[in-house]
Protein backbone atom coordinates (compact mmCIF):
# COMPACT_ATOMS: atom_id res chain seq x y z
CA MET A 1 89.53 76.01 133.56
CA ASN A 2 87.10 78.84 132.87
CA ALA A 3 84.46 78.22 130.24
CA ALA A 4 85.21 79.73 126.85
CA PRO A 5 82.56 82.06 125.41
CA PRO A 6 80.31 80.31 122.88
CA LEU A 7 81.13 80.38 119.21
CA GLY A 8 78.47 81.75 116.87
CA VAL A 9 78.08 82.56 113.20
CA ALA A 10 77.70 86.04 111.71
CA ASP A 11 75.94 88.40 114.15
CA SER A 12 75.73 85.76 116.89
CA LEU A 13 79.54 85.81 117.29
CA THR A 14 80.23 88.55 119.85
CA ARG A 15 83.26 90.81 119.85
CA ASP A 16 84.19 89.58 123.36
CA ALA A 17 84.14 86.01 122.07
CA ILE A 18 86.33 86.99 119.11
CA GLU A 19 88.97 88.53 121.35
CA HIS A 20 88.90 85.58 123.74
CA TRP A 21 89.37 83.02 120.97
CA LEU A 22 92.19 85.07 119.42
CA ARG A 23 94.13 84.45 122.63
CA GLU A 24 93.10 80.81 123.09
CA THR A 25 95.96 78.32 123.30
CA ASP A 26 94.30 75.21 124.74
CA GLU A 27 94.47 72.52 122.04
CA THR A 28 91.18 70.90 122.99
CA ARG A 29 89.32 74.19 122.82
CA LEU A 30 91.02 75.11 119.57
CA GLN A 31 89.70 71.91 118.03
CA GLU A 32 86.25 73.32 118.75
CA LEU A 33 87.14 76.50 116.86
CA TRP A 34 88.61 74.61 113.89
CA ALA A 35 85.56 72.35 113.69
CA ALA A 36 83.13 75.30 113.84
CA ALA A 37 84.99 77.15 111.08
CA ASP A 38 85.20 74.06 108.87
CA GLU A 39 81.52 73.25 109.30
CA THR A 40 80.54 76.87 108.60
CA ARG A 41 82.69 76.84 105.46
CA ARG A 42 81.07 73.60 104.31
CA ARG A 43 77.54 74.87 104.98
CA TYR A 44 77.92 78.28 103.32
CA VAL A 45 80.41 77.78 100.46
CA GLY A 46 80.71 74.01 100.07
CA ASP A 47 83.69 71.71 99.63
CA ALA A 48 84.92 73.23 96.37
CA VAL A 49 88.22 75.11 96.44
CA HIS A 50 88.40 77.91 93.90
CA LEU A 51 91.74 78.22 92.11
CA ARG A 52 92.87 81.66 91.02
CA GLY A 53 95.93 81.93 88.78
CA LEU A 54 98.25 84.67 90.08
CA VAL A 55 100.45 86.73 87.76
CA GLU A 56 102.82 89.21 89.40
CA ILE A 57 103.03 91.69 86.55
CA SER A 58 105.45 94.23 88.07
CA ASN A 59 107.60 94.67 91.17
CA TYR A 60 108.01 98.42 90.74
CA CYS A 61 106.33 100.38 93.53
CA VAL A 62 106.13 104.05 94.52
CA ARG A 63 105.23 103.20 98.12
CA GLY A 64 107.51 103.02 101.13
CA CYS A 65 105.58 100.45 103.17
CA THR A 66 107.95 99.51 105.98
CA TYR A 67 107.17 95.77 105.83
CA CYS A 68 107.43 95.12 102.09
CA GLY A 69 110.48 93.79 100.26
CA ILE A 70 109.63 95.61 97.01
CA ARG A 71 109.18 99.01 98.71
CA ALA A 72 110.47 101.97 96.67
CA GLY A 73 113.45 102.49 98.97
CA ASN A 74 114.86 98.98 98.54
CA ARG A 75 117.66 99.58 96.06
CA GLY A 76 118.65 95.92 96.06
CA VAL A 77 115.60 94.83 94.08
CA GLU A 78 115.99 94.00 90.40
CA ARG A 79 112.84 95.55 88.93
CA TYR A 80 110.71 94.21 86.08
CA ARG A 81 107.44 94.65 84.23
CA ILE A 82 105.97 91.70 82.34
CA PRO A 83 105.38 92.50 78.64
CA GLU A 84 101.83 92.38 77.37
CA ASP A 85 102.39 89.29 75.22
CA VAL A 86 103.86 87.38 78.18
CA LEU A 87 100.85 88.39 80.25
CA LEU A 88 98.59 86.93 77.54
CA GLU A 89 100.58 83.68 77.64
CA CYS A 90 100.00 83.52 81.41
CA ALA A 91 96.28 84.12 80.86
CA HIS A 92 96.11 81.26 78.36
CA LYS A 93 97.93 79.03 80.85
CA THR A 94 95.39 79.97 83.54
CA VAL A 95 92.59 78.75 81.26
CA GLU A 96 94.56 75.62 80.30
CA PHE A 97 94.93 74.70 83.99
CA GLY A 98 91.23 75.20 84.64
CA TYR A 99 91.65 78.11 87.05
CA GLY A 100 88.43 80.09 87.33
CA THR A 101 90.05 83.49 87.86
CA LEU A 102 93.13 85.33 86.61
CA VAL A 103 94.66 87.61 89.29
CA LEU A 104 96.95 90.43 88.17
CA GLN A 105 99.07 91.78 91.01
CA SER A 106 101.81 94.39 91.19
CA GLY A 107 103.32 97.04 93.38
CA GLU A 108 101.72 100.46 93.06
CA ASP A 109 103.42 101.04 89.73
CA TYR A 110 102.38 104.00 87.59
CA GLY A 111 104.58 102.63 84.82
CA ILE A 112 101.63 100.25 84.44
CA THR A 113 99.53 103.02 82.99
CA GLY A 114 95.77 103.14 82.93
CA GLU A 115 95.79 102.81 79.15
CA TRP A 116 98.21 99.86 79.14
CA MET A 117 96.13 97.93 81.66
CA ALA A 118 92.83 98.69 79.89
CA ARG A 119 94.28 97.43 76.58
CA ALA A 120 95.65 94.29 78.26
CA LEU A 121 92.27 93.61 79.87
CA ARG A 122 90.47 93.95 76.54
CA ARG A 123 92.94 91.55 74.92
CA ILE A 124 92.53 88.99 77.71
CA ARG A 125 88.76 89.19 77.32
CA SER A 126 88.84 88.88 73.53
CA GLU A 127 91.66 86.34 73.15
CA THR A 128 91.12 83.96 76.10
CA ALA A 129 88.27 82.20 77.89
CA VAL A 130 89.17 83.48 81.38
CA SER A 131 86.03 83.41 83.54
CA ALA A 132 86.93 86.34 85.81
CA ILE A 133 89.76 88.86 86.20
CA THR A 134 90.91 90.22 89.55
CA LEU A 135 93.23 93.21 89.93
CA SER A 136 95.48 93.99 92.90
CA LEU A 137 97.41 97.08 91.85
CA GLY A 138 97.27 99.37 94.88
CA GLU A 139 95.57 102.72 95.39
CA ARG A 140 94.89 103.81 91.83
CA PRO A 141 92.92 106.90 90.69
CA ASP A 142 89.17 106.68 90.36
CA GLU A 143 89.20 107.17 86.60
CA GLU A 144 91.57 104.23 86.11
CA LEU A 145 89.49 101.96 88.33
CA ALA A 146 86.39 102.87 86.32
CA ALA A 147 88.16 102.34 82.98
CA TRP A 148 89.50 98.94 84.05
CA ARG A 149 86.07 97.83 85.19
CA GLU A 150 84.67 98.80 81.80
CA ALA A 151 87.55 97.02 80.02
CA GLY A 152 86.74 93.70 81.70
CA ALA A 153 88.04 93.53 85.28
CA ASP A 154 85.58 91.89 87.69
CA ARG A 155 87.27 92.10 91.08
CA TYR A 156 89.74 94.26 92.96
CA LEU A 157 91.79 93.34 96.05
CA LEU A 158 93.02 96.05 98.42
CA ARG A 159 94.04 94.92 101.90
CA PHE A 160 93.77 97.50 104.68
CA GLU A 161 96.33 95.45 106.71
CA THR A 162 95.22 96.83 110.10
CA SER A 163 92.40 99.05 111.33
CA ASP A 164 94.68 100.54 114.01
CA GLU A 165 95.15 104.01 112.50
CA GLY A 166 98.42 104.76 114.27
CA LEU A 167 99.95 101.42 113.35
CA TYR A 168 98.72 101.73 109.76
CA ARG A 169 100.39 105.13 109.34
CA ARG A 170 103.62 103.76 110.79
CA ILE A 171 103.84 100.81 108.39
CA HIS A 172 102.23 102.52 105.39
CA PRO A 173 103.58 106.08 105.03
CA ASP A 174 101.49 108.42 102.90
CA LEU A 175 102.83 109.68 99.59
CA PRO A 176 103.47 113.45 99.40
CA GLY A 177 100.14 115.24 98.95
CA ARG A 178 98.08 112.04 99.29
CA VAL A 179 96.43 110.60 102.38
CA SER A 180 95.79 106.87 102.18
CA ASP A 181 92.14 105.93 102.85
CA ARG A 182 91.68 102.33 101.79
CA MET A 183 88.25 102.00 103.39
CA SER A 184 86.90 104.73 101.11
CA ILE A 185 88.55 103.15 98.07
CA LEU A 186 86.97 99.79 98.89
CA GLN A 187 83.57 101.44 99.08
CA ARG A 188 84.18 103.17 95.76
CA LEU A 189 85.21 99.88 94.14
CA GLN A 190 81.86 98.40 95.11
CA GLU A 191 80.07 101.46 93.71
CA LEU A 192 81.90 100.90 90.40
CA GLY A 193 80.57 97.34 90.26
CA TYR A 194 83.66 95.43 91.37
CA GLU A 195 83.55 92.46 93.69
CA ALA A 196 85.87 93.88 96.34
CA GLY A 197 88.34 92.05 98.55
CA THR A 198 90.47 93.13 101.49
CA GLY A 199 92.46 91.60 104.34
CA ILE A 200 95.02 92.01 107.09
CA MET A 201 98.40 90.82 108.29
CA VAL A 202 98.66 89.03 111.62
CA GLY A 203 101.53 89.73 114.01
CA ILE A 204 102.72 93.13 112.78
CA PRO A 205 105.09 94.58 115.42
CA GLY A 206 102.87 96.78 117.59
CA GLN A 207 99.65 94.93 116.70
CA THR A 208 97.45 93.63 119.54
CA TYR A 209 94.78 90.96 119.71
CA ALA A 210 92.29 93.68 120.63
CA SER A 211 92.99 95.50 117.36
CA ILE A 212 92.66 92.25 115.39
CA ALA A 213 89.27 91.71 117.05
CA ASP A 214 88.38 95.19 115.76
CA ASP A 215 89.52 94.13 112.27
CA ILE A 216 87.21 91.10 112.32
CA GLU A 217 84.35 93.29 113.48
CA ILE A 218 85.06 95.56 110.51
CA PHE A 219 85.04 92.56 108.17
CA ARG A 220 81.60 91.68 109.47
CA GLY A 221 80.23 95.09 108.45
CA MET A 222 82.06 95.53 105.13
CA ASP A 223 80.32 92.96 102.92
CA MET A 224 83.58 91.95 101.23
CA ASP A 225 83.58 89.20 98.60
CA MET A 226 87.08 88.02 99.55
CA ILE A 227 89.15 88.44 102.72
CA GLY A 228 92.83 87.50 102.80
CA ILE A 229 94.47 86.66 106.14
CA GLY A 230 98.22 86.12 106.25
CA PRO A 231 100.97 86.27 108.86
CA TYR A 232 103.41 89.15 108.95
CA LEU A 233 106.65 87.71 107.53
CA PRO A 234 109.68 89.89 108.33
CA HIS A 235 111.87 90.87 105.39
CA PRO A 236 115.44 91.68 106.48
CA ALA A 237 115.79 94.48 103.92
CA THR A 238 112.94 96.52 105.42
CA PRO A 239 112.71 98.85 108.43
CA LEU A 240 110.00 96.75 110.06
CA GLY A 241 111.94 93.52 109.45
CA GLN A 242 114.96 95.03 111.15
CA GLU A 243 112.82 96.18 114.07
CA PHE A 244 111.38 92.65 114.35
CA ALA A 245 114.89 91.15 114.45
CA ARG A 246 116.03 93.61 117.13
CA ARG A 247 112.96 93.09 119.31
CA THR A 248 113.28 89.32 118.99
CA ALA A 249 116.97 89.37 119.89
CA GLU A 250 116.34 91.60 122.92
CA GLY A 251 113.05 90.02 123.99
CA ASP A 252 111.55 93.49 123.70
CA TRP A 253 107.90 92.62 123.02
CA PRO A 254 104.85 94.06 124.83
CA ASP A 255 102.64 91.58 126.68
CA ASP A 256 99.75 91.97 124.21
CA GLN A 257 101.80 91.69 121.02
CA ALA A 258 99.93 89.49 118.53
CA ALA A 259 102.00 86.55 117.31
CA ASN A 260 102.86 86.16 113.62
CA THR A 261 102.70 82.36 113.81
CA GLU A 262 100.71 79.90 111.75
CA LEU A 263 98.56 79.16 114.83
CA ALA A 264 97.71 82.81 115.42
CA THR A 265 96.90 83.31 111.74
CA CYS A 266 94.63 80.26 111.68
CA ARG A 267 92.73 81.59 114.69
CA VAL A 268 92.07 84.82 112.76
CA LEU A 269 91.11 82.87 109.63
CA ALA A 270 88.68 80.63 111.52
CA LEU A 271 87.04 83.53 113.34
CA THR A 272 86.75 85.47 110.08
CA ARG A 273 84.94 82.47 108.55
CA LEU A 274 82.48 82.56 111.45
CA ALA A 275 82.03 86.33 111.19
CA ARG A 276 81.72 86.35 107.35
CA PRO A 277 80.40 82.87 106.57
CA ASP A 278 79.85 83.32 102.83
CA SER A 279 82.99 85.28 101.89
CA ASN A 280 85.81 83.68 99.94
CA LEU A 281 88.82 83.12 102.22
CA PRO A 282 92.14 82.02 100.71
CA ALA A 283 94.65 79.66 102.28
CA THR A 284 97.41 82.16 101.55
CA THR A 285 100.92 81.57 100.30
CA ALA A 286 102.22 83.45 103.34
CA LEU A 287 100.43 80.96 105.61
CA SER A 288 102.22 78.10 103.89
CA LEU A 289 105.53 79.82 104.66
CA ALA A 290 104.70 80.28 108.35
CA ASP A 291 104.39 76.48 108.50
CA LYS A 292 105.91 74.86 105.41
CA ALA A 293 104.68 71.40 106.37
CA GLY A 294 101.06 72.18 107.13
CA GLY A 295 100.19 75.86 106.67
CA ARG A 296 98.13 75.57 103.50
CA VAL A 297 96.48 72.34 104.68
CA HIS A 298 95.49 73.96 107.97
CA GLY A 299 94.22 77.02 106.12
CA LEU A 300 91.87 74.83 104.07
CA GLN A 301 90.78 72.88 107.15
CA ARG A 302 90.10 75.99 109.25
CA GLY A 303 87.88 78.04 106.99
CA GLY A 304 89.69 78.52 103.69
CA ASN A 305 88.11 77.85 100.29
CA VAL A 306 90.48 79.57 97.82
CA VAL A 307 94.05 78.87 96.67
CA MET A 308 96.02 81.15 94.35
CA PRO A 309 98.56 79.11 92.34
CA ASN A 310 101.33 81.24 90.88
CA VAL A 311 101.57 81.29 87.07
CA THR A 312 104.15 84.10 86.89
CA PRO A 313 107.16 83.00 84.82
CA PRO A 314 109.83 81.74 87.28
CA GLU A 315 112.40 84.35 86.22
CA GLN A 316 110.05 87.13 87.36
CA ARG A 317 108.46 85.19 90.24
CA GLU A 318 111.70 85.10 92.20
CA LEU A 319 112.02 88.89 91.88
CA TYR A 320 108.59 89.57 93.41
CA GLU A 321 109.89 89.18 96.95
CA ILE A 322 107.45 91.02 99.19
CA TYR A 323 108.61 88.60 101.90
CA PRO A 324 111.58 86.20 101.85
CA GLU A 325 111.59 82.52 100.90
CA LYS A 326 108.40 82.57 98.84
CA ALA A 327 106.90 79.17 98.15
CA ALA A 328 107.44 77.45 94.80
CA VAL A 329 109.68 80.20 93.42
CA HIS A 330 111.59 77.88 91.11
CA GLU A 331 108.77 75.45 90.26
CA THR A 332 107.09 75.59 86.89
CA ALA A 333 103.44 76.62 86.78
CA GLU A 334 102.68 73.05 85.66
CA ALA A 335 104.34 71.61 88.79
CA VAL A 336 102.51 74.08 91.06
CA ASN A 337 99.19 73.11 89.46
CA ALA A 338 99.83 69.39 89.86
CA GLY A 339 100.88 69.81 93.49
CA ILE A 340 97.79 71.77 94.45
CA ARG A 341 95.43 69.32 92.80
CA GLN A 342 97.15 66.44 94.58
CA LEU A 343 96.80 68.30 97.88
CA LEU A 344 93.08 68.95 97.36
CA ALA A 345 92.45 65.32 96.45
CA SER A 346 94.23 64.19 99.63
CA LEU A 347 91.88 66.43 101.66
CA GLY A 348 88.74 65.20 99.91
CA ARG A 349 88.11 68.63 98.44
CA THR A 350 87.05 69.35 94.86
CA VAL A 351 88.16 72.07 92.43
CA GLY A 352 85.57 74.80 92.02
CA ALA A 353 84.05 75.43 88.59
CA GLY A 354 83.79 78.78 86.83
CA ALA A 355 84.53 82.19 88.32
CA GLY A 356 83.88 81.09 91.92
CA GLY A 357 82.04 84.15 93.16
CA ARG A 358 81.03 84.60 96.78
CA GLY A 359 78.92 81.79 98.17
CA ALA A 360 79.65 79.54 95.17
CA ALA A 361 79.89 75.87 96.02
């Protein structure tokens, strides 16, 4: 057995080592990777797990992303927008549960106007004790991003999904007259004073381990406050989901196709922790679907320090189906909260206090 390249932290982790460990399958060697990521997480961000209450405020979207269940072309989706007063109720519940951050997520929905969101942000700030507010609303105009920052938003999440330009264009078609440039938007968000977050999917059809190694290298140079890593989960009502089903049925996969498994995703998560030791890394909901029994546990044991419990009302939560079989769709927010706290206690982890910014223990 050839020796594996050494694991390092931050700049001491080489790109060649990253690509090697992305392909590693030996269980004994992988234990070395998991242990290195867990120790790095403990040393740089501590044992606290920061809880961020997620509200999916709208499933309308103008985009035609080929992997997403709420893409504009999916006529089978029952669309909704959460009213402002319901959003405020969710914000109060986030505070009641002791979550340090409220996360507002939607498709790229211009029915959620700049003015509506700014007013909602001001109300949340004046009527609740939320510590921090994160937005994840897609590629919005500069003036809206600036207005929302002024109205009280602290953070913005915008995943670039893959740094492979050709693959990105295939899964994320541009809107007429607009060329998507998420890297530039992320830089602009930081200039506006946001804590910025990004991330990728793992196992997109056509994605290679070499391109994922490039993604992790990009993470290292981006200075992101949060990085989300989740497996590609095929949705049958999407073009990419149908391609995935065909390729799987025919065995039509290239030799270097990256897997969309829980194991492959955890390798990316662990290596991202080593490359960006002080960034916040969530154990994502998608990871828990890739392995219902252990996905979230493994995410927390292999570098993760954030969980995002869903506080969207159940009647809307089940309609926000970006991928099928979402976790805890029919559970109440109270049940989700209790389950996560029980899980953290079983792992010997504590709940983080306050807003839980980067590097917070």
